[in-house]
């Protein structure tokens, strides 16, 4: 517990840090440490944040560029919001994935799986 020292009219708490143990390193930072220690000239920083090239400009993964191009060139796609209950094709596929395509509940139409809210905010299901 900090003790109090008086400095003129001000009271200043003093914290003794000698008995505080250092917390273990966050595993995420081990990626940064490994990246910095790697001497390979072709290494790619896959840590948190945007990937950067040797000039610190954002580097877009080739597969992301390809997917973006396919999306932009598809005349059937647009930038409309999906329905509040989610994209029907996605919900149907998610139901089959989670419950099994032969699920009795799915066959009897007893499953409701709205996906919009989770996907809109966290990209999670």
Protein backbone atom coordinates (compact mmCIF):
# COMPACT_ATOMS: atom_id res chain seq x y z
CA UNK A 1 0.00 0.00 0.00
CA UNK A 2 1.44 3.41 -0.89
CA UNK A 3 2.51 5.62 1.99
CA UNK A 4 1.94 9.37 2.10
CA UNK A 5 4.65 12.02 2.03
CA UNK A 6 3.93 15.65 2.71
CA UNK A 7 5.56 18.24 0.45
CA UNK A 8 4.60 21.64 1.79
CA UNK A 9 0.81 21.74 1.57
CA UNK A 10 0.48 18.93 -1.00
CA UNK A 11 0.14 15.29 -0.01
CA UNK A 12 1.84 12.99 -2.52
CA UNK A 13 1.30 9.19 -2.44
CA UNK A 14 4.49 7.18 -2.94
CA UNK A 15 4.28 3.71 -4.47
CA UNK A 16 6.99 1.20 -3.61
CA UNK A 17 7.45 -0.93 -6.74
CA UNK A 18 10.18 -3.22 -5.38
CA UNK A 19 7.76 -6.06 -4.60
CA UNK A 20 5.78 -5.93 -7.86
CA UNK A 21 6.57 -8.90 -10.08
CA UNK A 22 6.78 -8.41 -13.82
CA UNK A 23 3.84 -9.93 -15.70
CA UNK A 24 4.58 -12.59 -18.30
CA UNK A 25 5.13 -11.34 -21.84
CA UNK A 26 2.01 -11.20 -24.00
CA UNK A 27 2.27 -14.07 -26.55
CA UNK A 28 1.31 -11.64 -29.32
CA UNK A 29 4.54 -9.73 -28.80
CA UNK A 30 6.54 -12.91 -29.41
CA UNK A 31 5.62 -12.46 -33.10
CA UNK A 32 7.22 -9.02 -33.08
CA UNK A 33 10.32 -10.34 -31.32
CA UNK A 34 10.65 -13.24 -33.77
CA UNK A 35 10.17 -10.88 -36.74
CA UNK A 36 12.82 -8.46 -35.51
CA UNK A 37 15.30 -11.31 -34.88
CA UNK A 38 14.75 -12.89 -38.32
CA UNK A 39 17.47 -11.96 -40.83
CA UNK A 40 15.68 -13.34 -43.91
CA UNK A 41 15.41 -10.58 -46.51
CA UNK A 42 12.06 -11.98 -47.71
CA UNK A 43 10.39 -11.97 -44.30
CA UNK A 44 6.85 -10.59 -43.96
CA UNK A 45 5.57 -8.95 -40.78
CA UNK A 46 2.30 -10.73 -39.94
CA UNK A 47 1.79 -8.92 -36.65
CA UNK A 48 -1.18 -6.78 -35.69
CA UNK A 49 -1.99 -3.91 -38.01
CA UNK A 50 -1.48 -3.33 -41.71
CA UNK A 51 1.21 -5.27 -43.52
CA UNK A 52 3.93 -2.91 -44.74
CA UNK A 53 6.52 -3.11 -47.52
CA UNK A 54 10.16 -2.01 -47.23
CA UNK A 55 9.10 1.62 -47.71
CA UNK A 56 6.47 1.36 -44.91
CA UNK A 57 3.58 1.58 -47.39
CA UNK A 58 0.63 -0.79 -46.88
CA UNK A 59 1.21 -4.12 -48.63
CA UNK A 60 -1.94 -5.87 -49.81
CA UNK A 61 -1.73 -9.65 -49.88
CA UNK A 62 -2.05 -10.94 -53.48
CA UNK A 63 -5.04 -13.10 -52.53
CA UNK A 64 -6.79 -10.01 -51.11
CA UNK A 65 -6.14 -8.08 -54.33
CA UNK A 66 -7.54 -10.98 -56.36
CA UNK A 67 -10.67 -11.23 -54.19
CA UNK A 68 -11.15 -7.46 -54.33
CA UNK A 69 -10.89 -7.50 -58.11
CA UNK A 70 -13.37 -10.38 -58.41
CA UNK A 71 -15.76 -8.52 -56.15
CA UNK A 72 -15.47 -5.22 -58.03
CA UNK A 73 -15.89 -6.88 -61.43
CA UNK A 74 -18.93 -8.98 -60.49
CA UNK A 75 -21.98 -7.18 -62.01
CA UNK A 76 -24.32 -8.95 -59.57
CA UNK A 77 -22.71 -7.53 -56.44
CA UNK A 78 -23.41 -4.14 -54.96
CA UNK A 79 -22.82 -2.18 -51.78
CA UNK A 80 -26.33 -2.49 -50.36
CA UNK A 81 -26.72 -3.55 -46.76
CA UNK A 82 -27.82 -7.13 -46.32
CA UNK A 83 -31.23 -7.83 -44.75
CA UNK A 84 -31.52 -7.49 -40.96
CA UNK A 85 -31.80 -11.29 -40.62
CA UNK A 86 -28.59 -11.76 -42.61
CA UNK A 87 -27.71 -12.98 -46.07
CA UNK A 88 -30.03 -15.97 -46.62
CA UNK A 89 -27.41 -18.06 -48.46
CA UNK A 90 -24.88 -17.47 -45.69
CA UNK A 91 -27.38 -18.27 -42.93
CA UNK A 92 -28.37 -21.52 -44.66
CA UNK A 93 -24.73 -22.55 -45.07
CA UNK A 94 -23.95 -21.60 -41.44
CA UNK A 95 -26.89 -23.66 -40.19
CA UNK A 96 -25.64 -26.70 -42.12
CA UNK A 97 -22.10 -26.17 -40.87
CA UNK A 98 -23.12 -25.79 -37.23
CA UNK A 99 -25.91 -28.38 -37.02
CA UNK A 100 -25.00 -30.71 -39.89
CA UNK A 101 -26.62 -30.69 -43.31
CA UNK A 102 -28.83 -33.64 -42.30
CA UNK A 103 -30.12 -31.88 -39.16
CA UNK A 104 -33.72 -32.70 -38.34
CA UNK A 105 -34.22 -29.20 -36.93
CA UNK A 106 -33.16 -27.69 -40.27
CA UNK A 107 -35.35 -30.10 -42.25
CA UNK A 108 -38.33 -29.21 -40.04
CA UNK A 109 -37.54 -25.50 -40.43
CA UNK A 110 -37.15 -25.01 -36.67
CA UNK A 111 -33.83 -23.14 -36.93
CA UNK A 112 -33.46 -19.39 -37.01
CA UNK A 113 -29.93 -18.11 -37.33
CA UNK A 114 -29.78 -14.33 -37.83
CA UNK A 115 -26.22 -13.34 -38.67
CA UNK A 116 -26.33 -9.64 -39.51
CA UNK A 117 -25.55 -8.02 -36.16
CA UNK A 118 -22.56 -10.17 -35.29
CA UNK A 119 -21.10 -9.89 -38.76
CA UNK A 120 -21.65 -6.15 -39.01
CA UNK A 121 -19.81 -5.32 -35.82
CA UNK A 122 -17.21 -7.99 -35.16
CA UNK A 123 -17.07 -10.28 -38.19
CA UNK A 124 -17.87 -13.08 -35.79
CA UNK A 125 -20.63 -15.62 -35.72
